[in-house]
Every structure is written in structure tokens, then in C-alpha cells.
Amino acid sequence: MTFVGLLLVLLGWILLLFGGQLSLVASSAMGRPLPIEVDPGRIDVAQSLIMSGFGFAILGALRAGVGTLRQFFEAVLQRAAAAKAQPAPAPPSSARVDPDAVVERGWIRDRPFVRYADGSVEVETLLGVRRFGSFADAEGFVGS
């Protein structure tokens, strides 16, 4: 629709700028002279083509833009529905666990470790004591 509108605008400008010469060339090609008074509506037709073309171009752009917005909002609504479908996280237990309470002590390879109640692990490394978020992270670090 936008392309058709711009094509109409182009035709309107061609008719407006070169319509007089085109009608003279056409009349001389047919072999009869064309009086100037026969072509008074050419400017009106050209202006109508230009304005209609701009209208079609604007409508085409709006249609494409609204289609893009519709796709965007549909994706947002789908994400929101998917987020609502997920179960709510379990409420935290009423008993507070001290995150620094020692749960386990042991060895990873040749390094001593301490596991805390929050799941973190402290390992003695060559550079000093280092705390990891999980036992797997600590094993990966010491193993490398």
C-alpha cells in the first residue's frame, strides 16, 4: 500500500510538471493541435493524485506499524501468561537457619573444606581461604 501511494505521488508530480508538454506531444503525434483551454483540469488531477498518494503511503506505513505493535504486545502477553503459569516459590520456612552454621567438614583432594548451612563451601587454597557458592564450584576450582 505504501509503494502504491508513492507511485501515485510520482505520477501526480509527473503530470503536474510535464503534463502540458505530454499533452502537446500527444496531440501533435495524432496530427491535430490541442488548444490550451482543453487541458484546464490537469492541475486538479495532478494535485489529487499527489494528495491521494500521500494518503495511501501514510495508511500503508500506519498499517505496517500497527502490525508490528500487535506482534510486540502479543509476545509480551504470552510472556506474562507464561510467568503466571509457573508455580509460586515456596514460602521460606519459619525457622531461620544461621548461614554461618557449619554443616560438614572434610577434604577435597588434599585441601580441607568447611560446608555451611547456606550451601556455601570454604576451601583452603594456596592463596588463602576462599568461599564458593556451592560444593560443585569448590570441587571444580580445586580440581583445576
C-alpha atoms as a PDB file:
ATOM      1  CA  MET A   1       0.000   0.000   0.000  1.00  0.00           C
ATOM      2  CA  THR A   2       2.881   2.371   0.774  1.00  0.00           C
ATOM      3  CA  PHE A   3       4.530   1.591  -2.554  1.00  0.00           C
ATOM      4  CA  VAL A   4       1.285   2.248  -4.447  1.00  0.00           C
ATOM      5  CA  GLY A   5       0.885   5.558  -2.633  1.00  0.00           C
ATOM      6  CA  LEU A   6       4.395   6.695  -3.507  1.00  0.00           C
ATOM      7  CA  LEU A   7       3.822   5.624  -7.108  1.00  0.00           C
ATOM      8  CA  LEU A   8       0.673   7.785  -7.236  1.00  0.00           C
ATOM      9  CA  VAL A   9       2.641  10.721  -5.815  1.00  0.00           C
ATOM     10  CA  LEU A  10       5.268  10.262  -8.524  1.00  0.00           C
ATOM     11  CA  LEU A  11       2.623  10.117 -11.250  1.00  0.00           C
ATOM     12  CA  GLY A  12       0.968  13.241  -9.841  1.00  0.00           C
ATOM     13  CA  TRP A  13       4.246  15.173  -9.931  1.00  0.00           C
ATOM     14  CA  ILE A  14       4.981  13.978 -13.468  1.00  0.00           C
ATOM     15  CA  LEU A  15       1.532  15.100 -14.570  1.00  0.00           C
ATOM     16  CA  LEU A  16       1.899  18.429 -12.769  1.00  0.00           C
ATOM     17  CA  LEU A  17       5.365  19.232 -14.115  1.00  0.00           C
ATOM     18  CA  PHE A  18       5.282  17.661 -17.567  1.00  0.00           C
ATOM     19  CA  GLY A  19       1.570  17.195 -18.280  1.00  0.00           C
ATOM     20  CA  GLY A  20       1.321  20.211 -20.563  1.00  0.00           C
ATOM     21  CA  GLN A  21       4.247  19.085 -22.668  1.00  0.00           C
ATOM     22  CA  LEU A  22       2.979  15.496 -22.736  1.00  0.00           C
ATOM     23  CA  SER A  23      -0.462  16.581 -23.955  1.00  0.00           C
ATOM     24  CA  LEU A  24       1.117  18.774 -26.655  1.00  0.00           C
ATOM     25  CA  VAL A  25       3.354  15.905 -27.797  1.00  0.00           C
ATOM     26  CA  ALA A  26       0.394  13.513 -27.844  1.00  0.00           C
ATOM     27  CA  SER A  27      -1.806  15.919 -29.811  1.00  0.00           C
ATOM     28  CA  SER A  28       0.922  16.653 -32.347  1.00  0.00           C
ATOM     29  CA  ALA A  29       1.565  12.920 -32.718  1.00  0.00           C
ATOM     30  CA  MET A  30      -2.119  12.469 -33.563  1.00  0.00           C
ATOM     31  CA  GLY A  31      -1.881  15.240 -36.095  1.00  0.00           C
ATOM     32  CA  ARG A  32      -4.199  17.848 -34.597  1.00  0.00           C
ATOM     33  CA  PRO A  33      -3.332  20.835 -32.492  1.00  0.00           C
ATOM     34  CA  LEU A  34      -4.674  20.955 -28.949  1.00  0.00           C
ATOM     35  CA  PRO A  35      -5.946  24.287 -27.697  1.00  0.00           C
ATOM     36  CA  ILE A  36      -4.740  25.243 -24.205  1.00  0.00           C
ATOM     37  CA  GLU A  37      -8.326  25.577 -22.949  1.00  0.00           C
ATOM     38  CA  VAL A  38      -8.931  21.828 -23.351  1.00  0.00           C
ATOM     39  CA  ASP A  39      -6.467  20.979 -20.553  1.00  0.00           C
ATOM     40  CA  PRO A  40      -7.687  23.064 -17.564  1.00  0.00           C
ATOM     41  CA  GLY A  41      -8.242  20.123 -15.156  1.00  0.00           C
ATOM     42  CA  ARG A  42      -4.729  18.736 -15.442  1.00  0.00           C
ATOM     43  CA  ILE A  43      -3.506  20.630 -12.371  1.00  0.00           C
ATOM     44  CA  ASP A  44      -6.502  19.496 -10.322  1.00  0.00           C
ATOM     45  CA  VAL A  45      -5.955  15.862 -11.302  1.00  0.00           C
ATOM     46  CA  ALA A  46      -2.230  16.124 -10.527  1.00  0.00           C
ATOM     47  CA  GLN A  47      -2.896  17.611  -7.093  1.00  0.00           C
ATOM     48  CA  SER A  48      -5.479  14.934  -6.368  1.00  0.00           C
ATOM     49  CA  LEU A  49      -3.021  12.205  -7.355  1.00  0.00           C
ATOM     50  CA  ILE A  50      -0.319  13.686  -5.119  1.00  0.00           C
ATOM     51  CA  MET A  51      -2.607  14.021  -2.095  1.00  0.00           C
ATOM     52  CA  SER A  52      -4.191  10.598  -2.593  1.00  0.00           C
ATOM     53  CA  GLY A  53      -0.745   9.063  -2.984  1.00  0.00           C
ATOM     54  CA  PHE A  54       0.453  10.598   0.270  1.00  0.00           C
ATOM     55  CA  GLY A  55      -2.707   9.333   1.944  1.00  0.00           C
ATOM     56  CA  PHE A  56      -2.096   5.790   0.692  1.00  0.00           C
ATOM     57  CA  ALA A  57       1.556   5.957   1.754  1.00  0.00           C
ATOM     58  CA  ILE A  58       0.629   7.121   5.256  1.00  0.00           C
ATOM     59  CA  LEU A  59      -2.058   4.449   5.587  1.00  0.00           C
ATOM     60  CA  GLY A  60       0.410   1.773   4.476  1.00  0.00           C
ATOM     61  CA  ALA A  61       3.005   2.936   6.993  1.00  0.00           C
ATOM     62  CA  LEU A  62       0.403   3.024   9.776  1.00  0.00           C
ATOM     63  CA  ARG A  63      -0.812  -0.437   8.852  1.00  0.00           C
ATOM     64  CA  ALA A  64       2.720  -1.846   8.993  1.00  0.00           C
ATOM     65  CA  GLY A  65       3.431  -0.059  12.272  1.00  0.00           C
ATOM     66  CA  VAL A  66       0.241  -1.275  13.916  1.00  0.00           C
ATOM     67  CA  GLY A  67       1.018  -4.825  12.767  1.00  0.00           C
ATOM     68  CA  THR A  68       4.452  -4.621  14.360  1.00  0.00           C
ATOM     69  CA  LEU A  69       2.988  -3.240  17.580  1.00  0.00           C
ATOM     70  CA  ARG A  70       0.398  -6.017  17.630  1.00  0.00           C
ATOM     71  CA  GLN A  71       3.136  -8.661  17.336  1.00  0.00           C
ATOM     72  CA  PHE A  72       5.127  -6.992  20.111  1.00  0.00           C
ATOM     73  CA  PHE A  73       2.186  -6.857  22.508  1.00  0.00           C
ATOM     74  CA  GLU A  74       1.194 -10.451  21.717  1.00  0.00           C
ATOM     75  CA  ALA A  75       4.721 -11.549  22.651  1.00  0.00           C
ATOM     76  CA  VAL A  76       4.539  -9.534  25.883  1.00  0.00           C
ATOM     77  CA  LEU A  77       1.171 -11.071  26.767  1.00  0.00           C
ATOM     78  CA  GLN A  78       2.487 -14.579  26.068  1.00  0.00           C
ATOM     79  CA  ARG A  79       5.486 -13.971  28.333  1.00  0.00           C
ATOM     80  CA  ALA A  80       3.222 -12.611  31.057  1.00  0.00           C
ATOM     81  CA  ALA A  81       0.915 -15.634  30.775  1.00  0.00           C
ATOM     82  CA  ALA A  82       3.904 -17.991  30.934  1.00  0.00           C
ATOM     83  CA  ALA A  83       5.183 -16.211  34.043  1.00  0.00           C
ATOM     84  CA  LYS A  84       1.761 -16.557  35.715  1.00  0.00           C
ATOM     85  CA  ALA A  85       1.629 -20.260  34.836  1.00  0.00           C
ATOM     86  CA  GLN A  86       4.825 -21.010  36.775  1.00  0.00           C
ATOM     87  CA  PRO A  87       4.191 -22.099  40.353  1.00  0.00           C
ATOM     88  CA  ALA A  88       4.914 -19.603  43.076  1.00  0.00           C
ATOM     89  CA  PRO A  89       8.059 -20.266  45.085  1.00  0.00           C
ATOM     90  CA  ALA A  90       7.559 -21.988  48.403  1.00  0.00           C
ATOM     91  CA  PRO A  91       7.381 -19.588  51.312  1.00  0.00           C
ATOM     92  CA  PRO A  92      10.502 -19.558  53.439  1.00  0.00           C
ATOM     93  CA  SER A  93      10.360 -21.738  56.490  1.00  0.00           C
ATOM     94  CA  SER A  94       9.707 -20.031  59.784  1.00  0.00           C
ATOM     95  CA  ALA A  95      12.863 -21.461  61.361  1.00  0.00           C
ATOM     96  CA  ARG A  96      15.796 -19.244  60.451  1.00  0.00           C
ATOM     97  CA  VAL A  97      18.954 -21.064  59.544  1.00  0.00           C
ATOM     98  CA  ASP A  98      22.197 -19.426  60.522  1.00  0.00           C
ATOM     99  CA  PRO A  99      24.142 -19.197  57.228  1.00  0.00           C
ATOM    100  CA  ASP A 100      27.435 -19.491  59.098  1.00  0.00           C
ATOM    101  CA  ALA A 101      26.467 -22.705  60.906  1.00  0.00           C
ATOM    102  CA  VAL A 102      28.934 -25.448  59.978  1.00  0.00           C
ATOM    103  CA  VAL A 103      27.239 -28.478  58.445  1.00  0.00           C
ATOM    104  CA  GLU A 104      30.207 -30.563  57.357  1.00  0.00           C
ATOM    105  CA  ARG A 105      33.994 -30.609  57.385  1.00  0.00           C
ATOM    106  CA  GLY A 106      36.149 -32.689  55.091  1.00  0.00           C
ATOM    107  CA  TRP A 107      38.731 -32.827  52.353  1.00  0.00           C
ATOM    108  CA  ILE A 108      38.594 -32.085  48.629  1.00  0.00           C
ATOM    109  CA  ARG A 109      41.685 -33.767  47.212  1.00  0.00           C
ATOM    110  CA  ASP A 110      44.383 -32.504  49.570  1.00  0.00           C
ATOM    111  CA  ARG A 111      42.568 -29.338  50.702  1.00  0.00           C
ATOM    112  CA  PRO A 112      40.395 -29.018  53.800  1.00  0.00           C
ATOM    113  CA  PHE A 113      36.899 -27.593  53.357  1.00  0.00           C
ATOM    114  CA  VAL A 114      34.010 -26.426  55.526  1.00  0.00           C
ATOM    115  CA  ARG A 115      30.402 -26.591  54.273  1.00  0.00           C
ATOM    116  CA  TYR A 116      27.960 -24.077  55.773  1.00  0.00           C
ATOM    117  CA  ALA A 117      24.179 -24.217  56.236  1.00  0.00           C
ATOM    118  CA  ASP A 118      23.525 -21.850  53.310  1.00  0.00           C
ATOM    119  CA  GLY A 119      25.256 -24.308  50.935  1.00  0.00           C
ATOM    120  CA  SER A 120      28.452 -22.325  50.535  1.00  0.00           C
ATOM    121  CA  VAL A 121      31.832 -24.017  50.925  1.00  0.00           C
ATOM    122  CA  GLU A 122      35.085 -22.585  52.259  1.00  0.00           C
ATOM    123  CA  VAL A 123      38.285 -24.163  50.936  1.00  0.00           C
ATOM    124  CA  GLU A 124      41.860 -23.529  51.960  1.00  0.00           C
ATOM    125  CA  THR A 125      43.746 -22.702  48.747  1.00  0.00           C
ATOM    126  CA  LEU A 126      47.379 -21.805  48.097  1.00  0.00           C
ATOM    127  CA  LEU A 127      46.426 -18.123  48.242  1.00  0.00           C
ATOM    128  CA  GLY A 128      44.375 -18.426  51.427  1.00  0.00           C
ATOM    129  CA  VAL A 129      40.819 -19.344  52.392  1.00  0.00           C
ATOM    130  CA  ARG A 130      38.275 -18.895  49.612  1.00  0.00           C
ATOM    131  CA  ARG A 131      34.479 -19.207  49.828  1.00  0.00           C
ATOM    132  CA  PHE A 132      32.461 -20.766  46.968  1.00  0.00           C
ATOM    133  CA  GLY A 133      28.720 -20.707  46.362  1.00  0.00           C
ATOM    134  CA  SER A 134      28.402 -24.487  46.132  1.00  0.00           C
ATOM    135  CA  PHE A 135      30.340 -27.697  46.671  1.00  0.00           C
ATOM    136  CA  ALA A 136      30.491 -28.298  42.901  1.00  0.00           C
ATOM    137  CA  ASP A 137      32.131 -24.883  42.379  1.00  0.00           C
ATOM    138  CA  ALA A 138      34.715 -25.671  45.052  1.00  0.00           C
ATOM    139  CA  GLU A 139      35.464 -29.078  43.533  1.00  0.00           C
ATOM    140  CA  GLY A 140      35.820 -27.520  40.090  1.00  0.00           C
ATOM    141  CA  PHE A 141      38.279 -24.935  41.410  1.00  0.00           C
ATOM    142  CA  VAL A 142      40.422 -27.378  43.383  1.00  0.00           C
ATOM    143  CA  GLY A 143      40.329 -29.952  40.600  1.00  0.00           C
ATOM    144  CA  SER A 144      41.768 -27.496  38.055  1.00  0.00           C
END
